[in-house]
Amino acid sequence: MNESLYTFSKNQRANFIIEGMNTCWKDMTHLASLLSFSKGQVVDQADDGVYLVKEGYMSYSCYLAGGERRIIYFVGPGSIFNEAGCMIYHKGRVSFEFLADTQVYAFPPNLFLDVDFVRSYPELSINLSQYIIFKRVYFSHFVANLSNNKPITRVSEILFQLYESQREVTITQLHISNFLGLHQMTISRALTQLRNENIIGKITKNNFEIFDPERLAEYAQW
């Protein structure tokens, strides 16, 4: 058993792309089944299993009162999702959209509440606790950011985090609009300002150009 846990560094950020935080669970994949999801596939949260992303990316969304889906964060390789669906049987108003062809390890839903399993592998429970605490920190950051009335700051933060992650994540302008709760025209104006200042170049669903990451970080207040 690899006992290395995910631990916070002094410079840990509340990044909206959550990945690599539950890699110690890879040692337990013999207890899981391997499932595949297609790009664009959307599934609702259920109590059918806890998933560890092997490869690919997905978004975690909540349904608003009017039925609209609002993206809250993204999950990538080495991180778990749907733990709430199994541990507290929360199934309402949450869905997952796969942004790329994705493979996940599906652990049985009762495994995370099995006392004997927890006693045998306490390091996994510690890791899961760290992960849940990280999400709590992230949500605090997310809620605080809702009051930030500067779209340029919020858009820059997303672009800078994508730049730092250096991952091929397909996040479109529509995803950014949904995630920030801002109109697409507002997003477009922010991108145009950054482009006019030669901070960024072309932004497409498959690629984005960052010419001046230091100035982008300043706009992002990062």
Protein backbone atom coordinates (compact mmCIF):
# COMPACT_ATOMS: atom_id res chain seq x y z
CA MET A 1 0.00 0.00 0.00
CA ASN A 2 1.32 3.42 -0.99
CA GLU A 3 0.77 5.49 2.12
CA SER A 4 1.56 8.88 0.57
CA LEU A 5 -1.39 11.16 1.21
CA TYR A 6 -2.47 14.35 -0.41
CA THR A 7 -1.22 17.13 1.87
CA PHE A 8 -1.54 20.89 1.65
CA SER A 9 1.47 23.05 0.94
CA LYS A 10 1.75 26.58 2.29
CA ASN A 11 1.00 27.82 -1.22
CA GLN A 12 -1.98 25.56 -1.90
CA ARG A 13 -4.61 27.33 -4.00
CA ALA A 14 -8.36 26.79 -4.14
CA ASN A 15 -8.13 25.68 -7.77
CA PHE A 16 -11.36 25.05 -9.67
CA ILE A 17 -9.73 22.10 -11.48
CA ILE A 18 -9.42 19.37 -8.85
CA GLU A 19 -6.98 16.62 -9.77
CA GLY A 20 -4.35 14.34 -8.25
CA MET A 21 -5.73 14.54 -4.70
CA ASN A 22 -6.73 10.90 -4.22
CA THR A 23 -3.94 9.05 -6.00
CA CYS A 24 -3.42 6.70 -3.03
CA TRP A 25 -6.77 5.12 -3.90
CA LYS A 26 -5.17 3.70 -7.06
CA ASP A 27 -3.77 0.92 -4.87
CA MET A 28 -7.35 -0.26 -4.26
CA THR A 29 -8.56 -0.41 -7.85
CA HIS A 30 -8.79 -4.20 -7.61
CA LEU A 31 -11.96 -3.51 -5.60
CA ALA A 32 -13.40 -1.32 -8.36
CA SER A 33 -14.77 -1.80 -11.85
CA LEU A 34 -13.56 0.27 -14.81
CA LEU A 35 -16.25 2.35 -16.52
CA SER A 36 -16.11 4.57 -19.61
CA PHE A 37 -18.04 7.75 -20.39
CA SER A 38 -18.18 9.58 -23.69
CA LYS A 39 -17.38 13.25 -24.21
CA GLY A 40 -20.54 15.28 -23.71
CA GLN A 41 -22.31 12.57 -21.69
CA VAL A 42 -24.25 13.87 -18.67
CA VAL A 43 -25.23 11.69 -15.71
CA ASP A 44 -27.07 12.63 -12.52
CA GLN A 45 -25.56 12.06 -9.09
CA ALA A 46 -26.68 8.77 -7.58
CA ASP A 47 -25.77 6.36 -4.79
CA ASP A 48 -24.41 3.72 -7.17
CA GLY A 49 -20.69 4.18 -6.53
CA VAL A 50 -17.75 6.46 -5.75
CA TYR A 51 -15.61 7.22 -8.80
CA LEU A 52 -11.88 7.82 -9.17
CA VAL A 53 -10.94 9.44 -12.48
CA LYS A 54 -8.32 7.41 -14.34
CA GLU A 55 -8.18 9.66 -17.40
CA GLY A 56 -10.32 12.48 -18.74
CA TYR A 57 -12.21 15.35 -17.13
CA MET A 58 -15.73 16.12 -15.94
CA SER A 59 -17.64 19.06 -14.54
CA TYR A 60 -19.68 19.02 -11.34
CA SER A 61 -22.91 21.01 -11.73
CA CYS A 62 -25.90 21.90 -9.59
CA TYR A 63 -29.38 22.46 -10.96
CA LEU A 64 -30.83 25.89 -10.24
CA ALA A 65 -34.51 26.46 -9.44
CA GLY A 66 -35.29 27.11 -13.10
CA GLY A 67 -33.66 23.85 -14.21
CA GLU A 68 -30.45 25.45 -15.49
CA ARG A 69 -27.20 23.64 -14.72
CA ARG A 70 -24.51 25.73 -13.01
CA ILE A 71 -20.92 24.45 -13.09
CA ILE A 72 -19.25 24.50 -9.67
CA TYR A 73 -15.89 22.84 -10.34
CA PHE A 74 -14.03 20.38 -12.59
CA VAL A 75 -12.50 17.01 -11.65
CA GLY A 76 -9.53 15.43 -13.42
CA PRO A 77 -7.25 12.37 -13.13
CA GLY A 78 -6.43 11.09 -9.67
CA SER A 79 -9.41 12.64 -7.90
CA ILE A 80 -12.69 11.24 -6.61
CA PHE A 81 -16.24 12.36 -7.29
CA ASN A 82 -19.76 11.32 -6.25
CA GLU A 83 -18.69 10.64 -2.67
CA ALA A 84 -21.67 12.66 -1.39
CA GLY A 85 -24.06 10.47 -3.37
CA CYS A 86 -22.88 7.41 -1.46
CA MET A 87 -21.84 8.69 1.95
CA ILE A 88 -24.85 10.89 2.70
CA TYR A 89 -27.15 9.57 -0.05
CA HIS A 90 -27.42 12.99 -1.64
CA LYS A 91 -28.93 12.56 -5.11
CA GLY A 92 -30.80 15.77 -5.78
CA ARG A 93 -30.04 18.55 -8.26
CA VAL A 94 -26.46 17.50 -9.12
CA SER A 95 -25.03 16.19 -12.39
CA PHE A 96 -21.69 15.38 -14.01
CA GLU A 97 -20.79 16.28 -17.60
CA PHE A 98 -17.78 14.57 -19.16
CA LEU A 99 -15.65 17.06 -21.09
CA ALA A 100 -13.57 14.35 -22.75
CA ASP A 101 -13.78 10.61 -23.22
CA THR A 102 -13.25 9.56 -19.62
CA GLN A 103 -12.44 6.36 -17.73
CA VAL A 104 -13.18 6.00 -14.03
CA TYR A 105 -12.74 3.36 -11.36
CA ALA A 106 -16.13 2.74 -9.74
CA PHE A 107 -15.90 1.65 -6.10
CA PRO A 108 -18.89 -0.07 -4.44
CA PRO A 109 -21.05 2.49 -2.61
CA ASN A 110 -20.93 0.65 0.72
CA LEU A 111 -17.11 0.49 0.77
CA PHE A 112 -16.69 4.02 2.16
CA LEU A 113 -19.01 3.26 5.09
CA ASP A 114 -17.57 -0.17 5.85
CA VAL A 115 -16.08 0.00 9.38
CA ASP A 116 -13.75 -2.96 8.80
CA PHE A 117 -12.41 -1.39 5.60
CA VAL A 118 -11.82 1.94 7.37
CA ARG A 119 -9.96 0.19 10.19
CA SER A 120 -7.81 -1.72 7.71
CA TYR A 121 -6.92 1.34 5.62
CA PRO A 122 -7.06 4.43 7.87
CA GLU A 123 -4.74 6.34 5.54
CA LEU A 124 -7.44 6.28 2.87
CA SER A 125 -9.97 7.75 5.28
CA ILE A 126 -7.47 10.47 6.19
CA ASN A 127 -6.96 11.22 2.52
CA LEU A 128 -10.70 11.40 1.94
CA SER A 129 -11.08 13.75 4.92
CA GLN A 130 -8.35 16.00 3.52
CA TYR A 131 -10.13 16.01 0.18
CA ILE A 132 -13.48 16.98 1.69
CA ILE A 133 -11.81 19.76 3.71
CA PHE A 134 -10.14 21.04 0.55
CA LYS A 135 -13.54 21.21 -1.14
CA ARG A 136 -14.86 23.17 1.84
CA VAL A 137 -12.02 25.67 1.40
CA TYR A 138 -12.75 25.80 -2.33
CA PHE A 139 -16.46 26.46 -1.79
CA SER A 140 -15.62 29.32 0.58
CA HIS A 141 -13.41 30.80 -2.13
CA PHE A 142 -16.13 30.22 -4.75
CA VAL A 143 -18.85 31.94 -2.70
CA ALA A 144 -16.56 34.86 -1.84
CA ASN A 145 -15.78 35.29 -5.53
CA LEU A 146 -19.48 35.65 -6.35
CA SER A 147 -19.33 39.11 -4.77
CA ASN A 148 -16.40 40.16 -6.93
CA ASN A 149 -17.96 42.65 -9.34
CA LYS A 150 -14.98 42.69 -11.72
CA PRO A 151 -15.57 40.21 -14.55
CA ILE A 152 -12.04 40.80 -15.84
CA THR A 153 -10.65 39.48 -12.54
CA ARG A 154 -12.85 36.39 -12.51
CA VAL A 155 -12.19 35.54 -16.18
CA SER A 156 -8.45 36.08 -15.72
CA GLU A 157 -8.43 33.73 -12.73
CA ILE A 158 -9.91 30.90 -14.80
CA LEU A 159 -7.47 31.46 -17.68
CA PHE A 160 -4.50 31.63 -15.32
CA GLN A 161 -5.48 28.41 -13.56
CA LEU A 162 -5.79 26.69 -16.94
CA TYR A 163 -2.37 28.04 -17.86
CA GLU A 164 -0.86 26.77 -14.59
CA SER A 165 -2.47 23.35 -14.87
CA GLN A 166 -0.89 22.79 -18.32
CA ARG A 167 -3.61 20.24 -19.05
CA GLU A 168 -5.51 19.74 -22.27
CA VAL A 169 -8.87 20.60 -20.77
CA THR A 170 -11.67 21.44 -23.18
CA ILE A 171 -13.38 24.39 -21.49
CA THR A 172 -15.33 26.62 -23.84
CA GLN A 173 -16.43 30.23 -23.47
CA LEU A 174 -19.89 28.86 -22.68
CA HIS A 175 -18.40 26.79 -19.82
CA ILE A 176 -16.71 29.92 -18.45
CA SER A 177 -19.97 31.86 -18.69
CA ASN A 178 -21.86 29.07 -16.91
CA PHE A 179 -19.19 28.67 -14.23
CA LEU A 180 -19.03 32.38 -13.40
CA GLY A 181 -22.74 33.03 -13.79
CA LEU A 182 -21.99 35.85 -16.23
CA HIS A 183 -23.52 36.60 -19.64
CA GLN A 184 -21.48 35.46 -22.63
CA MET A 185 -21.23 39.07 -23.83
CA THR A 186 -19.61 39.99 -20.51
CA ILE A 187 -17.11 37.15 -20.93
CA SER A 188 -16.44 38.25 -24.50
CA ARG A 189 -15.73 41.85 -23.41
CA ALA A 190 -13.29 40.65 -20.74
CA LEU A 191 -11.48 38.44 -23.27
CA THR A 192 -11.34 41.32 -25.75
CA GLN A 193 -9.76 43.60 -23.13
CA LEU A 194 -7.12 40.99 -22.33
CA ARG A 195 -6.49 40.46 -26.03
CA ASN A 196 -6.21 44.21 -26.74
CA GLU A 197 -3.58 44.47 -23.99
CA ASN A 198 -1.67 41.61 -25.67
CA ILE A 199 -2.03 39.42 -22.55
CA ILE A 200 -3.80 36.61 -24.40
CA GLY A 201 -4.18 35.52 -27.99
CA LYS A 202 -6.75 33.25 -29.55
CA ILE A 203 -9.14 31.45 -27.21
CA THR A 204 -10.87 28.44 -28.74
CA LYS A 205 -12.46 25.33 -27.26
CA ASN A 206 -9.32 23.33 -28.03
CA ASN A 207 -6.58 25.88 -27.43
CA PHE A 208 -5.78 29.16 -25.76
CA GLU A 209 -2.75 31.42 -26.07
CA ILE A 210 -1.26 33.20 -23.06
CA PHE A 211 1.33 35.82 -24.06
CA ASP A 212 1.89 37.47 -20.68
CA PRO A 213 1.14 35.14 -17.73
CA GLU A 214 2.56 37.62 -15.19
CA ARG A 215 0.08 40.34 -16.15
CA LEU A 216 -2.70 37.77 -16.36
CA ALA A 217 -1.86 36.74 -12.78
CA GLU A 218 -2.07 40.39 -11.72
CA TYR A 219 -5.55 40.72 -13.22
CA ALA A 220 -6.51 37.44 -11.54
CA GLN A 221 -5.18 38.72 -8.19
CA TRP A 222 -3.46 35.33 -7.94
